[in-house]
Amino acid sequence: MGMKLYVGNLSFEASETDLQELFAQAGQVESARIITDMYTGKSRGFGFVEMANRDDGQKAIDQFNGKDLKGRAIVVNEAKPQERRPGGGGGGRRSSGA
């Protein structure tokens, strides 16, 4: 089974290809994704890399945590499962009070 890694403190110039190429040095990369702002499309400064197996994932953590990528020392650790967020995100109608 693979291992999903969180990669933080990314330079806004870093691309998914940069992540793919860097992490491929530690083993087989299943996917590399940088999270972007929904409205601007700009990087939010973090992303996720999925390694093919846990050994490659641990090797990537050991090898790249604190490593410089595009002028920033990146943070690499195992991604935590996404927490369930409460619903209700806007979209409601406003009353005009009339």
PDB file of N, CA and C in Angstrom:
ATOM      1  N   MET A   1       0.832  -1.178   0.000  1.00  0.00           N
ATOM      2  CA  MET A   1       0.000   0.000   0.000  1.00  0.00           C
ATOM      3  C   MET A   1       0.882   1.250   0.000  1.00  0.00           C
ATOM      4  N   GLY A   2       0.412   2.292  -0.652  1.00  0.00           N
ATOM      5  CA  GLY A   2       1.175   3.516  -0.787  1.00  0.00           C
ATOM      6  C   GLY A   2       1.144   4.376   0.465  1.00  0.00           C
ATOM      7  N   MET A   3       1.792   5.519   0.349  1.00  0.00           N
ATOM      8  CA  MET A   3       1.864   6.461   1.461  1.00  0.00           C
ATOM      9  C   MET A   3       1.657   7.862   0.922  1.00  0.00           C
ATOM     10  N   LYS A   4       0.740   8.608   1.554  1.00  0.00           N
ATOM     11  CA  LYS A   4       0.458   9.977   1.136  1.00  0.00           C
ATOM     12  C   LYS A   4       1.255  10.923   2.021  1.00  0.00           C
ATOM     13  N   LEU A   5       1.971  11.849   1.386  1.00  0.00           N
ATOM     14  CA  LEU A   5       2.811  12.797   2.101  1.00  0.00           C
ATOM     15  C   LEU A   5       2.272  14.207   1.965  1.00  0.00           C
ATOM     16  N   TYR A   6       2.362  14.950   3.056  1.00  0.00           N
ATOM     17  CA  TYR A   6       2.062  16.378   3.047  1.00  0.00           C
ATOM     18  C   TYR A   6       3.378  17.097   2.771  1.00  0.00           C
ATOM     19  N   VAL A   7       3.346  18.075   1.867  1.00  0.00           N
ATOM     20  CA  VAL A   7       4.534  18.872   1.563  1.00  0.00           C
ATOM     21  C   VAL A   7       4.155  20.333   1.776  1.00  0.00           C
ATOM     22  N   GLY A   8       4.762  20.955   2.778  1.00  0.00           N
ATOM     23  CA  GLY A   8       4.421  22.327   3.117  1.00  0.00           C
ATOM     24  C   GLY A   8       5.572  23.289   2.912  1.00  0.00           C
ATOM     25  N   ASN A   9       5.279  24.564   3.090  1.00  0.00           N
ATOM     26  CA  ASN A   9       6.228  25.665   2.927  1.00  0.00           C
ATOM     27  C   ASN A   9       6.767  25.725   1.498  1.00  0.00           C
ATOM     28  N   LEU A  10       5.907  25.411   0.535  1.00  0.00           N
ATOM     29  CA  LEU A  10       6.325  25.439  -0.865  1.00  0.00           C
ATOM     30  C   LEU A  10       6.418  26.870  -1.383  1.00  0.00           C
ATOM     31  N   SER A  11       7.399  27.101  -2.197  1.00  0.00           N
ATOM     32  CA  SER A  11       7.511  28.372  -2.907  1.00  0.00           C
ATOM     33  C   SER A  11       6.328  28.467  -3.863  1.00  0.00           C
ATOM     34  N   PHE A  12       5.845  29.688  -4.083  1.00  0.00           N
ATOM     35  CA  PHE A  12       4.720  29.864  -5.006  1.00  0.00           C
ATOM     36  C   PHE A  12       5.137  29.590  -6.443  1.00  0.00           C
ATOM     37  N   GLU A  13       6.454  29.505  -6.697  1.00  0.00           N
ATOM     38  CA  GLU A  13       6.942  29.187  -8.037  1.00  0.00           C
ATOM     39  C   GLU A  13       7.061  27.679  -8.274  1.00  0.00           C
ATOM     40  N   ALA A  14       6.952  26.876  -7.216  1.00  0.00           N
ATOM     41  CA  ALA A  14       7.079  25.421  -7.353  1.00  0.00           C
ATOM     42  C   ALA A  14       5.889  24.862  -8.132  1.00  0.00           C
ATOM     43  N   SER A  15       6.177  23.876  -8.975  1.00  0.00           N
ATOM     44  CA  SER A  15       5.123  23.253  -9.782  1.00  0.00           C
ATOM     45  C   SER A  15       4.956  21.788  -9.384  1.00  0.00           C
ATOM     46  N   GLU A  16       3.876  21.197  -9.861  1.00  0.00           N
ATOM     47  CA  GLU A  16       3.651  19.772  -9.606  1.00  0.00           C
ATOM     48  C   GLU A  16       4.758  18.943 -10.252  1.00  0.00           C
ATOM     49  N   THR A  17       5.262  19.404 -11.381  1.00  0.00           N
ATOM     50  CA  THR A  17       6.380  18.711 -12.047  1.00  0.00           C
ATOM     51  C   THR A  17       7.620  18.759 -11.165  1.00  0.00           C
ATOM     52  N   ASP A  18       7.873  19.897 -10.517  1.00  0.00           N
ATOM     53  CA  ASP A  18       9.017  19.994  -9.592  1.00  0.00           C
ATOM     54  C   ASP A  18       8.894  18.961  -8.478  1.00  0.00           C
ATOM     55  N   LEU A  19       7.698  18.833  -7.907  1.00  0.00           N
ATOM     56  CA  LEU A  19       7.479  17.844  -6.845  1.00  0.00           C
ATOM     57  C   LEU A  19       7.686  16.427  -7.376  1.00  0.00           C
ATOM     58  N   GLN A  20       7.112  16.152  -8.535  1.00  0.00           N
ATOM     59  CA  GLN A  20       7.222  14.822  -9.153  1.00  0.00           C
ATOM     60  C   GLN A  20       8.695  14.443  -9.337  1.00  0.00           C
ATOM     61  N   GLU A  21       9.471  15.369  -9.903  1.00  0.00           N
ATOM     62  CA  GLU A  21      10.886  15.086 -10.181  1.00  0.00           C
ATOM     63  C   GLU A  21      11.697  14.930  -8.899  1.00  0.00           C
ATOM     64  N   LEU A  22      11.432  15.771  -7.900  1.00  0.00           N
ATOM     65  CA  LEU A  22      12.173  15.684  -6.643  1.00  0.00           C
ATOM     66  C   LEU A  22      11.886  14.369  -5.937  1.00  0.00           C
ATOM     67  N   PHE A  23      10.614  14.044  -5.761  1.00  0.00           N
ATOM     68  CA  PHE A  23      10.253  12.859  -4.994  1.00  0.00           C
ATOM     69  C   PHE A  23      10.553  11.564  -5.728  1.00  0.00           C
ATOM     70  N   ALA A  24      10.671  11.618  -7.039  1.00  0.00           N
ATOM     71  CA  ALA A  24      11.051  10.428  -7.809  1.00  0.00           C
ATOM     72  C   ALA A  24      12.455   9.948  -7.437  1.00  0.00           C
ATOM     73  N   GLN A  25      13.258  10.838  -6.860  1.00  0.00           N
ATOM     74  CA  GLN A  25      14.597  10.450  -6.410  1.00  0.00           C
ATOM     75  C   GLN A  25      14.531   9.476  -5.226  1.00  0.00           C
ATOM     76  N   ALA A  26      13.393   9.453  -4.526  1.00  0.00           N
ATOM     77  CA  ALA A  26      13.227   8.568  -3.374  1.00  0.00           C
ATOM     78  C   ALA A  26      12.489   7.279  -3.720  1.00  0.00           C
ATOM     79  N   GLY A  27      11.822   7.251  -4.872  1.00  0.00           N
ATOM     80  CA  GLY A  27      11.068   6.060  -5.259  1.00  0.00           C
ATOM     81  C   GLY A  27       9.963   6.411  -6.236  1.00  0.00           C
ATOM     82  N   GLN A  28       9.061   5.456  -6.442  1.00  0.00           N
ATOM     83  CA  GLN A  28       7.990   5.635  -7.421  1.00  0.00           C
ATOM     84  C   GLN A  28       6.905   6.568  -6.888  1.00  0.00           C
ATOM     85  N   VAL A  29       6.637   7.630  -7.653  1.00  0.00           N
ATOM     86  CA  VAL A  29       5.619   8.609  -7.298  1.00  0.00           C
ATOM     87  C   VAL A  29       4.333   8.264  -8.033  1.00  0.00           C
ATOM     88  N   GLU A  30       3.249   8.113  -7.272  1.00  0.00           N
ATOM     89  CA  GLU A  30       1.936   7.847  -7.863  1.00  0.00           C
ATOM     90  C   GLU A  30       1.289   9.139  -8.353  1.00  0.00           C
ATOM     91  N   SER A  31       1.397  10.207  -7.551  1.00  0.00           N
ATOM     92  CA  SER A  31       0.828  11.495  -7.934  1.00  0.00           C
ATOM     93  C   SER A  31       1.489  12.602  -7.132  1.00  0.00           C
ATOM     94  N   ALA A  32       1.441  13.806  -7.690  1.00  0.00           N
ATOM     95  CA  ALA A  32       1.942  14.996  -7.006  1.00  0.00           C
ATOM     96  C   ALA A  32       0.961  16.122  -7.306  1.00  0.00           C
ATOM     97  N   ARG A  33       0.474  16.777  -6.252  1.00  0.00           N
ATOM     98  CA  ARG A  33      -0.544  17.807  -6.435  1.00  0.00           C
ATOM     99  C   ARG A  33      -0.271  19.000  -5.533  1.00  0.00           C
ATOM    100  N   ILE A  34      -0.298  20.183  -6.093  1.00  0.00           N
ATOM    101  CA  ILE A  34      -0.188  21.412  -5.311  1.00  0.00           C
ATOM    102  C   ILE A  34      -1.595  21.971  -5.167  1.00  0.00           C
ATOM    103  N   ILE A  35      -1.947  22.343  -3.954  1.00  0.00           N
ATOM    104  CA  ILE A  35      -3.279  22.878  -3.675  1.00  0.00           C
ATOM    105  C   ILE A  35      -3.304  24.353  -4.063  1.00  0.00           C
ATOM    106  N   THR A  36      -4.346  24.723  -4.799  1.00  0.00           N
ATOM    107  CA  THR A  36      -4.464  26.103  -5.272  1.00  0.00           C
ATOM    108  C   THR A  36      -5.717  26.757  -4.716  1.00  0.00           C
ATOM    109  N   ASP A  37      -5.690  28.078  -4.663  1.00  0.00           N
ATOM    110  CA  ASP A  37      -6.836  28.852  -4.223  1.00  0.00           C
ATOM    111  C   ASP A  37      -7.961  28.714  -5.239  1.00  0.00           C
ATOM    112  N   MET A  38      -9.158  28.483  -4.770  1.00  0.00           N
ATOM    113  CA  MET A  38     -10.301  28.252  -5.647  1.00  0.00           C
ATOM    114  C   MET A  38     -10.602  29.468  -6.525  1.00  0.00           C
ATOM    115  N   TYR A  39     -10.375  30.658  -6.010  1.00  0.00           N
ATOM    116  CA  TYR A  39     -10.758  31.867  -6.744  1.00  0.00           C
ATOM    117  C   TYR A  39      -9.638  32.429  -7.613  1.00  0.00           C
ATOM    118  N   THR A  40      -8.397  32.385  -7.113  1.00  0.00           N
ATOM    119  CA  THR A  40      -7.292  32.988  -7.864  1.00  0.00           C
ATOM    120  C   THR A  40      -6.507  31.976  -8.688  1.00  0.00           C
ATOM    121  N   GLY A  41      -6.581  30.698  -8.315  1.00  0.00           N
ATOM    122  CA  GLY A  41      -5.815  29.671  -9.008  1.00  0.00           C
ATOM    123  C   GLY A  41      -4.347  29.644  -8.600  1.00  0.00           C
ATOM    124  N   LYS A  42      -3.962  30.478  -7.638  1.00  0.00           N
ATOM    125  CA  LYS A  42      -2.563  30.534  -7.191  1.00  0.00           C
ATOM    126  C   LYS A  42      -2.321  29.488  -6.107  1.00  0.00           C
ATOM    127  N   SER A  43      -1.069  29.053  -6.028  1.00  0.00           N
ATOM    128  CA  SER A  43      -0.674  28.068  -5.032  1.00  0.00           C
ATOM    129  C   SER A  43      -0.974  28.560  -3.629  1.00  0.00           C
ATOM    130  N   ARG A  44      -1.385  27.631  -2.766  1.00  0.00           N
ATOM    131  CA  ARG A  44      -1.607  27.960  -1.361  1.00  0.00           C
ATOM    132  C   ARG A  44      -0.382  27.614  -0.522  1.00  0.00           C
ATOM    133  N   GLY A  45       0.691  27.157  -1.179  1.00  0.00           N
ATOM    134  CA  GLY A  45       1.950  26.911  -0.481  1.00  0.00           C
ATOM    135  C   GLY A  45       2.108  25.521   0.104  1.00  0.00           C
ATOM    136  N   PHE A  46       1.202  24.611  -0.262  1.00  0.00           N
ATOM    137  CA  PHE A  46       1.353  23.227   0.186  1.00  0.00           C
ATOM    138  C   PHE A  46       0.760  22.278  -0.840  1.00  0.00           C
ATOM    139  N   GLY A  47       1.096  21.015  -0.688  1.00  0.00           N
ATOM    140  CA  GLY A  47       0.582  20.018  -1.613  1.00  0.00           C
ATOM    141  C   GLY A  47       0.711  18.624  -1.030  1.00  0.00           C
ATOM    142  N   PHE A  48       0.443  17.640  -1.869  1.00  0.00           N
ATOM    143  CA  PHE A  48       0.492  16.250  -1.459  1.00  0.00           C
ATOM    144  C   PHE A  48       1.190  15.419  -2.530  1.00  0.00           C
ATOM    145  N   VAL A  49       1.978  14.462  -2.073  1.00  0.00           N
ATOM    146  CA  VAL A  49       2.648  13.521  -2.970  1.00  0.00           C
ATOM    147  C   VAL A  49       2.282  12.130  -2.497  1.00  0.00           C
ATOM    148  N   GLU A  50       1.857  11.287  -3.416  1.00  0.00           N
ATOM    149  CA  GLU A  50       1.560   9.899  -3.076  1.00  0.00           C
ATOM    150  C   GLU A  50       2.680   9.017  -3.605  1.00  0.00           C
ATOM    151  N   MET A  51       3.322   8.324  -2.673  1.00  0.00           N
ATOM    152  CA  MET A  51       4.397   7.403  -3.034  1.00  0.00           C
ATOM    153  C   MET A  51       3.802   6.002  -3.190  1.00  0.00           C
ATOM    154  N   ALA A  52       4.433   5.186  -4.013  1.00  0.00           N
ATOM    155  CA  ALA A  52       3.895   3.858  -4.334  1.00  0.00           C
ATOM    156  C   ALA A  52       3.842   2.936  -3.124  1.00  0.00           C
ATOM    157  N   ASN A  53       4.776   3.092  -2.182  1.00  0.00           N
ATOM    158  CA  ASN A  53       4.767   2.231  -0.998  1.00  0.00           C
ATOM    159  C   ASN A  53       5.310   2.983   0.208  1.00  0.00           C
ATOM    160  N   ARG A  54       5.099   2.403   1.382  1.00  0.00           N
ATOM    161  CA  ARG A  54       5.490   3.067   2.635  1.00  0.00           C
ATOM    162  C   ARG A  54       7.003   3.246   2.751  1.00  0.00           C
ATOM    163  N   ASP A  55       7.767   2.288   2.255  1.00  0.00           N
ATOM    164  CA  ASP A  55       9.226   2.404   2.333  1.00  0.00           C
ATOM    165  C   ASP A  55       9.713   3.627   1.561  1.00  0.00           C
ATOM    166  N   ASP A  56       9.193   3.814   0.344  1.00  0.00           N
ATOM    167  CA  ASP A  56       9.568   4.984  -0.459  1.00  0.00           C
ATOM    168  C   ASP A  56       9.078   6.271   0.208  1.00  0.00           C
ATOM    169  N   GLY A  57       7.907   6.211   0.833  1.00  0.00           N
ATOM    170  CA  GLY A  57       7.378   7.373   1.529  1.00  0.00           C
ATOM    171  C   GLY A  57       8.266   7.784   2.693  1.00  0.00           C
ATOM    172  N   GLN A  58       8.685   6.815   3.492  1.00  0.00           N
ATOM    173  CA  GLN A  58       9.558   7.123   4.630  1.00  0.00           C
ATOM    174  C   GLN A  58      10.914   7.621   4.145  1.00  0.00           C
ATOM    175  N   LYS A  59      11.405   7.035   3.072  1.00  0.00           N
ATOM    176  CA  LYS A  59      12.678   7.485   2.491  1.00  0.00           C
ATOM    177  C   LYS A  59      12.565   8.944   2.039  1.00  0.00           C
ATOM    178  N   ALA A  60      11.435   9.306   1.430  1.00  0.00           N
ATOM    179  CA  ALA A  60      11.218  10.679   0.972  1.00  0.00           C
ATOM    180  C   ALA A  60      11.167  11.646   2.156  1.00  0.00           C
ATOM    181  N   ILE A  61      10.505  11.253   3.245  1.00  0.00           N
ATOM    182  CA  ILE A  61      10.453  12.104   4.434  1.00  0.00           C
ATOM    183  C   ILE A  61      11.868  12.347   4.953  1.00  0.00           C
ATOM    184  N   ASP A  62      12.621  11.263   5.106  1.00  0.00           N
ATOM    185  CA  ASP A  62      13.986  11.367   5.628  1.00  0.00           C
ATOM    186  C   ASP A  62      14.880  12.206   4.717  1.00  0.00           C
ATOM    187  N   GLN A  63      14.692  12.058   3.429  1.00  0.00           N
ATOM    188  CA  GLN A  63      15.568  12.704   2.448  1.00  0.00           C
ATOM    189  C   GLN A  63      15.201  14.170   2.189  1.00  0.00           C
ATOM    190  N   PHE A  64      13.905  14.517   2.214  1.00  0.00           N
ATOM    191  CA  PHE A  64      13.492  15.841   1.735  1.00  0.00           C
ATOM    192  C   PHE A  64      12.953  16.797   2.794  1.00  0.00           C
ATOM    193  N   ASN A  65      12.636  16.326   3.998  1.00  0.00           N
ATOM    194  CA  ASN A  65      12.154  17.243   5.031  1.00  0.00           C
ATOM    195  C   ASN A  65      13.275  18.237   5.359  1.00  0.00           C
ATOM    196  N   GLY A  66      12.996  19.519   5.168  1.00  0.00           N
ATOM    197  CA  GLY A  66      13.993  20.563   5.402  1.00  0.00           C
ATOM    198  C   GLY A  66      14.848  20.898   4.191  1.00  0.00           C
ATOM    199  N   LYS A  67      14.657  20.158   3.100  1.00  0.00           N
ATOM    200  CA  LYS A  67      15.447  20.396   1.882  1.00  0.00           C
ATOM    201  C   LYS A  67      14.960  21.665   1.173  1.00  0.00           C
ATOM    202  N   ASP A  68      15.896  22.375   0.562  1.00  0.00           N
ATOM    203  CA  ASP A  68      15.569  23.590  -0.176  1.00  0.00           C
ATOM    204  C   ASP A  68      14.969  23.235  -1.534  1.00  0.00           C
ATOM    205  N   LEU A  69      13.816  23.832  -1.822  1.00  0.00           N
ATOM    206  CA  LEU A  69      13.184  23.701  -3.137  1.00  0.00           C
ATOM    207  C   LEU A  69      12.737  25.093  -3.555  1.00  0.00           C
ATOM    208  N   LYS A  70      13.365  25.615  -4.579  1.00  0.00           N
ATOM    209  CA  LYS A  70      13.033  26.951  -5.108  1.00  0.00           C
ATOM    210  C   LYS A  70      13.157  28.033  -4.027  1.00  0.00           C
ATOM    211  N   GLY A  71      14.197  27.913  -3.190  1.00  0.00           N
ATOM    212  CA  GLY A  71      14.473  28.940  -2.202  1.00  0.00           C
ATOM    213  C   GLY A  71      13.752  28.803  -0.873  1.00  0.00           C
ATOM    214  N   ARG A  72      13.004  27.726  -0.666  1.00  0.00           N
ATOM    215  CA  ARG A  72      12.281  27.521   0.597  1.00  0.00           C
ATOM    216  C   ARG A  72      12.599  26.128   1.140  1.00  0.00           C
ATOM    217  N   ALA A  73      12.781  26.037   2.452  1.00  0.00           N
ATOM    218  CA  ALA A  73      12.996  24.744   3.110  1.00  0.00           C
ATOM    219  C   ALA A  73      11.632  24.085   3.273  1.00  0.00           C
ATOM    220  N   ILE A  74      11.397  23.014   2.534  1.00  0.00           N
ATOM    221  CA  ILE A  74      10.080  22.373   2.553  1.00  0.00           C
ATOM    222  C   ILE A  74       9.915  21.491   3.792  1.00  0.00           C
ATOM    223  N   VAL A  75       8.670  21.300   4.172  1.00  0.00           N
ATOM    224  CA  VAL A  75       8.293  20.423   5.283  1.00  0.00           C
ATOM    225  C   VAL A  75       7.640  19.198   4.657  1.00  0.00           C
ATOM    226  N   VAL A  76       8.134  18.018   5.020  1.00  0.00           N
ATOM    227  CA  VAL A  76       7.571  16.778   4.472  1.00  0.00           C
ATOM    228  C   VAL A  76       7.257  15.841   5.627  1.00  0.00           C
ATOM    229  N   ASN A  77       6.007  15.402   5.699  1.00  0.00           N
ATOM    230  CA  ASN A  77       5.632  14.381   6.671  1.00  0.00           C
ATOM    231  C   ASN A  77       4.434  13.603   6.153  1.00  0.00           C
ATOM    232  N   GLU A  78       4.094  12.542   6.870  1.00  0.00           N
ATOM    233  CA  GLU A  78       2.957  11.730   6.435  1.00  0.00           C
ATOM    234  C   GLU A  78       1.678  12.544   6.585  1.00  0.00           C
ATOM    235  N   ALA A  79       0.854  12.520   5.544  1.00  0.00           N
ATOM    236  CA  ALA A  79      -0.403  13.265   5.566  1.00  0.00           C
ATOM    237  C   ALA A  79      -1.354  12.616   6.552  1.00  0.00           C
ATOM    238  N   LYS A  80      -2.053  13.448   7.297  1.00  0.00           N
ATOM    239  CA  LYS A  80      -3.069  12.969   8.227  1.00  0.00           C
ATOM    240  C   LYS A  80      -4.376  12.843   7.457  1.00  0.00           C
ATOM    241  N   PRO A  81      -5.242  11.921   7.866  1.00  0.00           N
ATOM    242  CA  PRO A  81      -6.543  11.816   7.193  1.00  0.00           C
ATOM    243  C   PRO A  81      -7.298  13.135   7.306  1.00  0.00           C
ATOM    244  N   GLN A  82      -7.993  13.484   6.247  1.00  0.00           N
ATOM    245  CA  GLN A  82      -8.744  14.735   6.235  1.00  0.00           C
ATOM    246  C   GLN A  82      -9.871  14.661   7.246  1.00  0.00           C
ATOM    247  N   GLU A  83      -9.954  15.692   8.082  1.00  0.00           N
ATOM    248  CA  GLU A  83     -11.017  15.719   9.082  1.00  0.00           C
ATOM    249  C   GLU A  83     -12.324  16.121   8.442  1.00  0.00           C
ATOM    250  N   ARG A  84     -13.382  15.548   8.964  1.00  0.00           N
ATOM    251  CA  ARG A  84     -14.720  15.887   8.478  1.00  0.00           C
ATOM    252  C   ARG A  84     -15.062  17.287   8.956  1.00  0.00           C
ATOM    253  N   ARG A  85     -15.464  18.135   8.040  1.00  0.00           N
ATOM    254  CA  ARG A  85     -15.824  19.501   8.386  1.00  0.00           C
ATOM    255  C   ARG A  85     -17.329  19.631   8.480  1.00  0.00           C
ATOM    256  N   PRO A  86     -17.788  20.457   9.415  1.00  0.00           N
ATOM    257  CA  PRO A  86     -19.232  20.658   9.504  1.00  0.00           C
ATOM    258  C   PRO A  86     -19.748  21.341   8.244  1.00  0.00           C
ATOM    259  N   GLY A  87     -20.937  20.992   7.845  1.00  0.00           N
ATOM    260  CA  GLY A  87     -21.533  21.563   6.635  1.00  0.00           C
ATOM    261  C   GLY A  87     -22.047  22.965   6.867  1.00  0.00           C
ATOM    262  N   GLY A  88     -22.852  23.440   5.942  1.00  0.00           N
ATOM    263  CA  GLY A  88     -23.498  24.730   6.100  1.00  0.00           C
ATOM    264  C   GLY A  88     -22.764  25.881   5.483  1.00  0.00           C
ATOM    265  N   GLY A  89     -21.857  25.653   4.581  1.00  0.00           N
ATOM    266  CA  GLY A  89     -21.039  26.720   4.023  1.00  0.00           C
ATOM    267  C   GLY A  89     -21.794  27.709   3.152  1.00  0.00           C
ATOM    268  N   GLY A  90     -22.406  28.695   3.740  1.00  0.00           N
ATOM    269  CA  GLY A  90     -23.000  29.808   2.990  1.00  0.00           C
ATOM    270  C   GLY A  90     -24.092  29.378   2.037  1.00  0.00           C
ATOM    271  N   GLY A  91     -24.268  30.162   1.007  1.00  0.00           N
ATOM    272  CA  GLY A  91     -25.248  29.843  -0.008  1.00  0.00           C
ATOM    273  C   GLY A  91     -26.665  30.177   0.381  1.00  0.00           C
ATOM    274  N   GLY A  92     -26.851  30.673   1.603  1.00  0.00           N
ATOM    275  CA  GLY A  92     -28.192  30.999   2.050  1.00  0.00           C
ATOM    276  C   GLY A  92     -28.707  32.295   1.428  1.00  0.00           C
ATOM    277  N   ARG A  93     -29.995  32.480   1.512  1.00  0.00           N
ATOM    278  CA  ARG A  93     -30.597  33.704   0.975  1.00  0.00           C
ATOM    279  C   ARG A  93     -30.688  34.729   2.077  1.00  0.00           C
ATOM    280  N   ARG A  94     -30.516  35.972   1.712  1.00  0.00           N
ATOM    281  CA  ARG A  94     -30.654  37.047   2.691  1.00  0.00           C
ATOM    282  C   ARG A  94     -32.024  37.676   2.573  1.00  0.00           C
ATOM    283  N   SER A  95     -32.531  38.031   3.700  1.00  0.00           N
ATOM    284  CA  SER A  95     -33.813  38.708   3.716  1.00  0.00           C
ATOM    285  C   SER A  95     -33.578  40.192   3.581  1.00  0.00           C
ATOM    286  N   SER A  96     -34.409  40.859   2.816  1.00  0.00           N
ATOM    287  CA  SER A  96     -34.263  42.305   2.660  1.00  0.00           C
ATOM    288  C   SER A  96     -34.867  43.055   3.825  1.00  0.00           C
ATOM    289  N   GLY A  97     -35.545  42.352   4.710  1.00  0.00           N
ATOM    290  CA  GLY A  97     -36.171  42.960   5.874  1.00  0.00           C
ATOM    291  C   GLY A  97     -37.476  43.687   5.559  1.00  0.00           C
ATOM    292  N   ALA A  98     -37.940  43.561   4.350  1.00  0.00           N
ATOM    293  CA  ALA A  98     -39.163  44.263   3.971  1.00  0.00           C
ATOM    294  C   ALA A  98     -40.369  43.384   4.109  1.00  0.00           C
TER     295      ALA A  98
END
